[in-house]
All heavy atoms as atom14 arrays in JSON, in Angstrom:
{
  "sequence": "VEIDDVHELSIQDKERDIFKMVDAIAARDG",
  "atom14_mask": [
    [1, 1, 1, 1, 1, 1, 1, 0, 0, 0, 0, 0, 0, 0],
    [1, 1, 1, 1, 1, 1, 1, 1, 1, 0, 0, 0, 0, 0],
    [1, 1, 1, 1, 1, 1, 1, 1, 0, 0, 0, 0, 0, 0],
    [1, 1, 1, 1, 1, 1, 1, 1, 0, 0, 0, 0, 0, 0],
    [1, 1, 1, 1, 1, 1, 1, 1, 0, 0, 0, 0, 0, 0],
    [1, 1, 1, 1, 1, 1, 1, 0, 0, 0, 0, 0, 0, 0],
    [1, 1, 1, 1, 1, 1, 1, 1, 1, 1, 0, 0, 0, 0],
    [1, 1, 1, 1, 1, 1, 1, 1, 1, 0, 0, 0, 0, 0],
    [1, 1, 1, 1, 1, 1, 1, 1, 0, 0, 0, 0, 0, 0],
    [1, 1, 1, 1, 1, 1, 0, 0, 0, 0, 0, 0, 0, 0],
    [1, 1, 1, 1, 1, 1, 1, 1, 0, 0, 0, 0, 0, 0],
    [1, 1, 1, 1, 1, 1, 1, 1, 1, 0, 0, 0, 0, 0],
    [1, 1, 1, 1, 1, 1, 1, 1, 0, 0, 0, 0, 0, 0],
    [1, 1, 1, 1, 1, 1, 1, 1, 1, 0, 0, 0, 0, 0],
    [1, 1, 1, 1, 1, 1, 1, 1, 1, 0, 0, 0, 0, 0],
    [1, 1, 1, 1, 1, 1, 1, 1, 1, 1, 1, 0, 0, 0],
    [1, 1, 1, 1, 1, 1, 1, 1, 0, 0, 0, 0, 0, 0],
    [1, 1, 1, 1, 1, 1, 1, 1, 0, 0, 0, 0, 0, 0],
    [1, 1, 1, 1, 1, 1, 1, 1, 1, 1, 1, 0, 0, 0],
    [1, 1, 1, 1, 1, 1, 1, 1, 1, 0, 0, 0, 0, 0],
    [1, 1, 1, 1, 1, 1, 1, 1, 0, 0, 0, 0, 0, 0],
    [1, 1, 1, 1, 1, 1, 1, 0, 0, 0, 0, 0, 0, 0],
    [1, 1, 1, 1, 1, 1, 1, 1, 0, 0, 0, 0, 0, 0],
    [1, 1, 1, 1, 1, 0, 0, 0, 0, 0, 0, 0, 0, 0],
    [1, 1, 1, 1, 1, 1, 1, 1, 0, 0, 0, 0, 0, 0],
    [1, 1, 1, 1, 1, 0, 0, 0, 0, 0, 0, 0, 0, 0],
    [1, 1, 1, 1, 1, 0, 0, 0, 0, 0, 0, 0, 0, 0],
    [1, 1, 1, 1, 1, 1, 1, 1, 1, 1, 1, 0, 0, 0],
    [1, 1, 1, 1, 1, 1, 1, 1, 0, 0, 0, 0, 0, 0],
    [1, 1, 1, 1, 0, 0, 0, 0, 0, 0, 0, 0, 0, 0]
  ],
  "atom14_positions": [
    [[-42.56, 16.5, -11.4], [-41.54, 17.07, -10.48], [-42.34, 17.85, -9.49], [-43.09, 18.82, -9.87], [-40.5, 17.91, -11.23], [-39.59, 18.69, -10.24], [-39.66, 17.1, -12.26], [0.0, 0.0, 0.0], [0.0, 0.0, 0.0], [0.0, 0.0, 0.0], [0.0, 0.0, 0.0], [0.0, 0.0, 0.0], [0.0, 0.0, 0.0], [0.0, 0.0, 0.0]],
    [[-42.12, 17.62, -8.2], [-42.89, 18.31, -7.11], [-41.98, 19.36, -6.45], [-40.71, 19.42, -6.68], [-43.36, 17.31, -6.11], [-44.28, 16.27, -6.63], [-45.66, 16.73, -6.91], [-45.96, 17.87, -6.51], [-46.45, 15.96, -7.48], [0.0, 0.0, 0.0], [0.0, 0.0, 0.0], [0.0, 0.0, 0.0], [0.0, 0.0, 0.0], [0.0, 0.0, 0.0]],
    [[-42.49, 20.2, -5.63], [-41.78, 21.21, -4.98], [-40.67, 20.68, -4.02], [-39.58, 21.21, -4.07], [-42.75, 22.17, -4.13], [-41.94, 23.35, -3.62], [-43.42, 21.33, -3.02], [-42.88, 24.43, -2.94], [0.0, 0.0, 0.0], [0.0, 0.0, 0.0], [0.0, 0.0, 0.0], [0.0, 0.0, 0.0], [0.0, 0.0, 0.0], [0.0, 0.0, 0.0]],
    [[-40.92, 19.54, -3.5], [-39.84, 18.9, -2.63], [-38.6, 18.49, -3.41], [-37.52, 18.54, -3.03], [-40.41, 17.68, -1.89], [-41.38, 18.13, -0.79], [-41.4, 19.3, -0.42], [-42.14, 17.27, -0.34], [0.0, 0.0, 0.0], [0.0, 0.0, 0.0], [0.0, 0.0, 0.0], [0.0, 0.0, 0.0], [0.0, 0.0, 0.0], [0.0, 0.0, 0.0]],
    [[-38.89, 18.01, -4.76], [-37.82, 17.68, -5.6], [-36.89, 18.91, -5.94], [-35.71, 18.79, -5.97], [-38.32, 17.14, -6.89], [-39.21, 15.82, -6.74], [-38.82, 15.0, -5.92], [-40.3, 15.73, -7.33], [0.0, 0.0, 0.0], [0.0, 0.0, 0.0], [0.0, 0.0, 0.0], [0.0, 0.0, 0.0], [0.0, 0.0, 0.0], [0.0, 0.0, 0.0]],
    [[-37.55, 20.02, -6.19], [-36.83, 21.31, -6.52], [-36.01, 21.63, -5.35], [-34.79, 22.02, -5.41], [-37.71, 22.37, -6.95], [-37.05, 23.64, -7.09], [-38.57, 21.96, -8.08], [0.0, 0.0, 0.0], [0.0, 0.0, 0.0], [0.0, 0.0, 0.0], [0.0, 0.0, 0.0], [0.0, 0.0, 0.0], [0.0, 0.0, 0.0], [0.0, 0.0, 0.0]],
    [[-36.63, 21.62, -4.08], [-35.89, 21.95, -2.89], [-34.68, 20.99, -2.65], [-33.58, 21.41, -2.19], [-36.76, 21.9, -1.72], [-37.78, 23.0, -1.69], [-38.88, 23.07, -0.86], [-37.87, 24.12, -2.45], [-39.56, 24.15, -1.04], [-38.98, 24.84, -1.98], [0.0, 0.0, 0.0], [0.0, 0.0, 0.0], [0.0, 0.0, 0.0], [0.0, 0.0, 0.0]],
    [[-34.96, 19.75, -2.98], [-33.87, 18.73, -2.76], [-32.6, 18.92, -3.69], [-31.48, 18.81, -3.22], [-34.42, 17.3, -3.0], [-33.49, 16.16, -2.81], [-33.12, 15.85, -1.43], [-33.96, 16.35, -0.49], [-32.12, 15.32, -1.1], [0.0, 0.0, 0.0], [0.0, 0.0, 0.0], [0.0, 0.0, 0.0], [0.0, 0.0, 0.0], [0.0, 0.0, 0.0]],
    [[-32.88, 19.41, -4.88], [-31.76, 19.55, -5.77], [-31.28, 20.93, -6.05], [-30.25, 21.18, -6.68], [-32.19, 18.98, -7.16], [-32.43, 17.43, -7.2], [-32.6, 16.98, -8.69], [-31.31, 16.64, -6.58], [0.0, 0.0, 0.0], [0.0, 0.0, 0.0], [0.0, 0.0, 0.0], [0.0, 0.0, 0.0], [0.0, 0.0, 0.0], [0.0, 0.0, 0.0]],
    [[-31.98, 21.91, -5.49], [-31.65, 23.3, -5.58], [-31.1, 23.76, -4.28], [-31.62, 23.45, -3.16], [-32.79, 24.12, -6.0], [-33.32, 23.77, -7.25], [0.0, 0.0, 0.0], [0.0, 0.0, 0.0], [0.0, 0.0, 0.0], [0.0, 0.0, 0.0], [0.0, 0.0, 0.0], [0.0, 0.0, 0.0], [0.0, 0.0, 0.0], [0.0, 0.0, 0.0]],
    [[-29.99, 24.55, -4.33], [-29.33, 25.09, -3.12], [-29.94, 26.4, -2.89], [-29.38, 27.42, -3.46], [-27.83, 25.05, -3.27], [-27.36, 23.61, -3.68], [-27.2, 25.5, -1.95], [-25.86, 23.55, -3.94], [0.0, 0.0, 0.0], [0.0, 0.0, 0.0], [0.0, 0.0, 0.0], [0.0, 0.0, 0.0], [0.0, 0.0, 0.0], [0.0, 0.0, 0.0]],
    [[-30.83, 26.53, -2.0], [-31.46, 27.85, -1.68], [-30.53, 28.9, -1.27], [-30.6, 30.04, -1.69], [-32.62, 27.59, -0.64], [-33.62, 26.62, -1.14], [-34.75, 26.44, -0.06], [-35.29, 27.44, 0.36], [-34.96, 25.21, 0.28], [0.0, 0.0, 0.0], [0.0, 0.0, 0.0], [0.0, 0.0, 0.0], [0.0, 0.0, 0.0], [0.0, 0.0, 0.0]],
    [[-29.57, 28.58, -0.29], [-28.73, 29.61, 0.15], [-27.82, 30.15, -0.93], [-27.54, 31.41, -1.0], [-27.82, 29.02, 1.24], [-28.53, 28.65, 2.48], [-29.66, 29.3, 2.67], [-28.15, 27.9, 3.4], [0.0, 0.0, 0.0], [0.0, 0.0, 0.0], [0.0, 0.0, 0.0], [0.0, 0.0, 0.0], [0.0, 0.0, 0.0], [0.0, 0.0, 0.0]],
    [[-27.46, 29.32, -1.83], [-26.6, 29.78, -2.95], [-27.36, 30.73, -3.83], [-26.79, 31.79, -4.24], [-26.12, 28.57, -3.81], [-25.24, 28.96, -4.92], [-24.92, 27.86, -5.82], [-24.08, 26.81, -5.11], [-23.62, 25.69, -5.98], [0.0, 0.0, 0.0], [0.0, 0.0, 0.0], [0.0, 0.0, 0.0], [0.0, 0.0, 0.0], [0.0, 0.0, 0.0]],
    [[-28.64, 30.42, -4.17], [-29.42, 31.3, -4.95], [-29.61, 32.65, -4.29], [-29.59, 33.68, -4.93], [-30.82, 30.65, -5.23], [-30.71, 29.33, -5.99], [-30.16, 29.52, -7.4], [-30.14, 30.77, -7.89], [-29.81, 28.62, -8.03], [0.0, 0.0, 0.0], [0.0, 0.0, 0.0], [0.0, 0.0, 0.0], [0.0, 0.0, 0.0], [0.0, 0.0, 0.0]],
    [[-29.85, 32.65, -2.93], [-30.03, 33.9, -2.2], [-28.72, 34.75, -2.29], [-28.77, 35.94, -2.42], [-30.41, 33.62, -0.8], [-31.88, 33.27, -0.59], [-32.31, 33.43, 0.82], [-31.67, 32.36, 1.68], [-32.16, 31.19, 1.98], [-33.36, 30.88, 1.5], [-31.57, 30.33, 2.72], [0.0, 0.0, 0.0], [0.0, 0.0, 0.0], [0.0, 0.0, 0.0]],
    [[-27.6, 34.02, -2.19], [-26.32, 34.69, -2.25], [-26.04, 35.36, -3.61], [-25.47, 36.44, -3.7], [-25.13, 33.78, -1.9], [-25.07, 33.44, -0.51], [-25.71, 34.09, 0.31], [-24.39, 32.43, -0.09], [0.0, 0.0, 0.0], [0.0, 0.0, 0.0], [0.0, 0.0, 0.0], [0.0, 0.0, 0.0], [0.0, 0.0, 0.0], [0.0, 0.0, 0.0]],
    [[-26.55, 34.64, -4.66], [-26.41, 35.26, -6.02], [-27.25, 36.52, -6.02], [-26.72, 37.58, -6.59], [-26.94, 34.28, -7.12], [-25.89, 33.07, -7.2], [-26.93, 34.97, -8.4], [-26.41, 31.96, -8.04], [0.0, 0.0, 0.0], [0.0, 0.0, 0.0], [0.0, 0.0, 0.0], [0.0, 0.0, 0.0], [0.0, 0.0, 0.0], [0.0, 0.0, 0.0]],
    [[-28.44, 36.53, -5.5], [-29.22, 37.81, -5.57], [-28.53, 38.87, -4.71], [-28.6, 39.99, -5.07], [-30.66, 37.46, -5.11], [-31.47, 36.78, -6.12], [-32.01, 35.55, -5.82], [-31.72, 37.35, -7.38], [-32.83, 34.89, -6.79], [-32.53, 36.66, -8.28], [-33.11, 35.44, -7.96], [0.0, 0.0, 0.0], [0.0, 0.0, 0.0], [0.0, 0.0, 0.0]],
    [[-27.98, 38.47, -3.59], [-27.32, 39.43, -2.72], [-26.08, 40.03, -3.55], [-25.82, 41.21, -3.33], [-26.9, 38.83, -1.42], [-28.03, 38.44, -0.53], [-27.58, 37.82, 0.73], [-28.65, 37.4, 1.67], [-28.25, 36.69, 2.85], [0.0, 0.0, 0.0], [0.0, 0.0, 0.0], [0.0, 0.0, 0.0], [0.0, 0.0, 0.0], [0.0, 0.0, 0.0]],
    [[-25.41, 39.17, -4.27], [-24.22, 39.65, -5.0], [-24.68, 40.69, -6.01], [-24.07, 41.75, -6.14], [-23.49, 38.56, -5.67], [-22.23, 38.93, -6.35], [-21.51, 37.64, -7.42], [-22.68, 37.68, -8.76], [0.0, 0.0, 0.0], [0.0, 0.0, 0.0], [0.0, 0.0, 0.0], [0.0, 0.0, 0.0], [0.0, 0.0, 0.0], [0.0, 0.0, 0.0]],
    [[-25.76, 40.42, -6.77], [-26.21, 41.33, -7.71], [-26.74, 42.62, -7.03], [-26.53, 43.75, -7.55], [-27.4, 40.67, -8.54], [-27.97, 41.7, -9.47], [-26.87, 39.51, -9.31], [0.0, 0.0, 0.0], [0.0, 0.0, 0.0], [0.0, 0.0, 0.0], [0.0, 0.0, 0.0], [0.0, 0.0, 0.0], [0.0, 0.0, 0.0], [0.0, 0.0, 0.0]],
    [[-27.35, 42.53, -5.88], [-27.79, 43.75, -5.11], [-26.52, 44.58, -4.78], [-26.57, 45.83, -4.86], [-28.53, 43.3, -3.85], [-29.94, 42.84, -4.16], [-30.45, 43.12, -5.24], [-30.47, 42.11, -3.3], [0.0, 0.0, 0.0], [0.0, 0.0, 0.0], [0.0, 0.0, 0.0], [0.0, 0.0, 0.0], [0.0, 0.0, 0.0], [0.0, 0.0, 0.0]],
    [[-25.5, 43.85, -4.35], [-24.31, 44.57, -3.96], [-23.61, 45.31, -5.15], [-23.14, 46.47, -5.08], [-23.21, 43.63, -3.34], [0.0, 0.0, 0.0], [0.0, 0.0, 0.0], [0.0, 0.0, 0.0], [0.0, 0.0, 0.0], [0.0, 0.0, 0.0], [0.0, 0.0, 0.0], [0.0, 0.0, 0.0], [0.0, 0.0, 0.0], [0.0, 0.0, 0.0]],
    [[-23.65, 44.67, -6.38], [-23.13, 45.2, -7.53], [-23.97, 46.55, -7.88], [-23.48, 47.54, -8.11], [-23.23, 44.25, -8.74], [-22.29, 43.14, -8.52], [-22.84, 45.01, -10.01], [-22.26, 41.91, -9.5], [0.0, 0.0, 0.0], [0.0, 0.0, 0.0], [0.0, 0.0, 0.0], [0.0, 0.0, 0.0], [0.0, 0.0, 0.0], [0.0, 0.0, 0.0]],
    [[-25.37, 46.41, -7.82], [-26.17, 47.49, -8.17], [-25.97, 48.6, -7.15], [-26.08, 49.78, -7.55], [-27.63, 47.05, -8.09], [0.0, 0.0, 0.0], [0.0, 0.0, 0.0], [0.0, 0.0, 0.0], [0.0, 0.0, 0.0], [0.0, 0.0, 0.0], [0.0, 0.0, 0.0], [0.0, 0.0, 0.0], [0.0, 0.0, 0.0], [0.0, 0.0, 0.0]],
    [[-25.67, 48.26, -5.9], [-25.37, 49.3, -4.86], [-24.0, 49.78, -4.94], [-23.56, 50.74, -4.15], [-25.71, 48.84, -3.51], [0.0, 0.0, 0.0], [0.0, 0.0, 0.0], [0.0, 0.0, 0.0], [0.0, 0.0, 0.0], [0.0, 0.0, 0.0], [0.0, 0.0, 0.0], [0.0, 0.0, 0.0], [0.0, 0.0, 0.0], [0.0, 0.0, 0.0]],
    [[-23.14, 49.26, -5.85], [-21.72, 49.58, -6.02], [-20.99, 49.36, -4.71], [-20.0, 50.11, -4.38], [-21.57, 51.15, -6.46], [-22.2, 51.24, -7.81], [-22.06, 52.75, -8.3], [-22.95, 53.57, -7.5], [-23.54, 54.66, -8.05], [-23.34, 54.87, -9.34], [-24.24, 55.37, -7.3], [0.0, 0.0, 0.0], [0.0, 0.0, 0.0], [0.0, 0.0, 0.0]],
    [[-21.29, 48.3, -3.97], [-20.55, 47.83, -2.84], [-19.59, 46.83, -3.26], [-19.82, 45.67, -3.19], [-21.55, 47.29, -1.86], [-20.9, 46.79, -0.54], [-19.68, 46.99, -0.47], [-21.59, 46.46, 0.37], [0.0, 0.0, 0.0], [0.0, 0.0, 0.0], [0.0, 0.0, 0.0], [0.0, 0.0, 0.0], [0.0, 0.0, 0.0], [0.0, 0.0, 0.0]],
    [[-18.46, 47.35, -3.78], [-17.49, 46.43, -4.47], [-16.89, 45.39, -3.4], [-16.7, 44.29, -3.82], [0.0, 0.0, 0.0], [0.0, 0.0, 0.0], [0.0, 0.0, 0.0], [0.0, 0.0, 0.0], [0.0, 0.0, 0.0], [0.0, 0.0, 0.0], [0.0, 0.0, 0.0], [0.0, 0.0, 0.0], [0.0, 0.0, 0.0], [0.0, 0.0, 0.0]]
  ]
}
């Protein structure tokens, strides 16, 4: 499995949004 395969099947924007959501929870930005 190469890096291009991971990029092909993984949704980068979604992963970034998950991290942002956790950041918002940590910042208590409900």
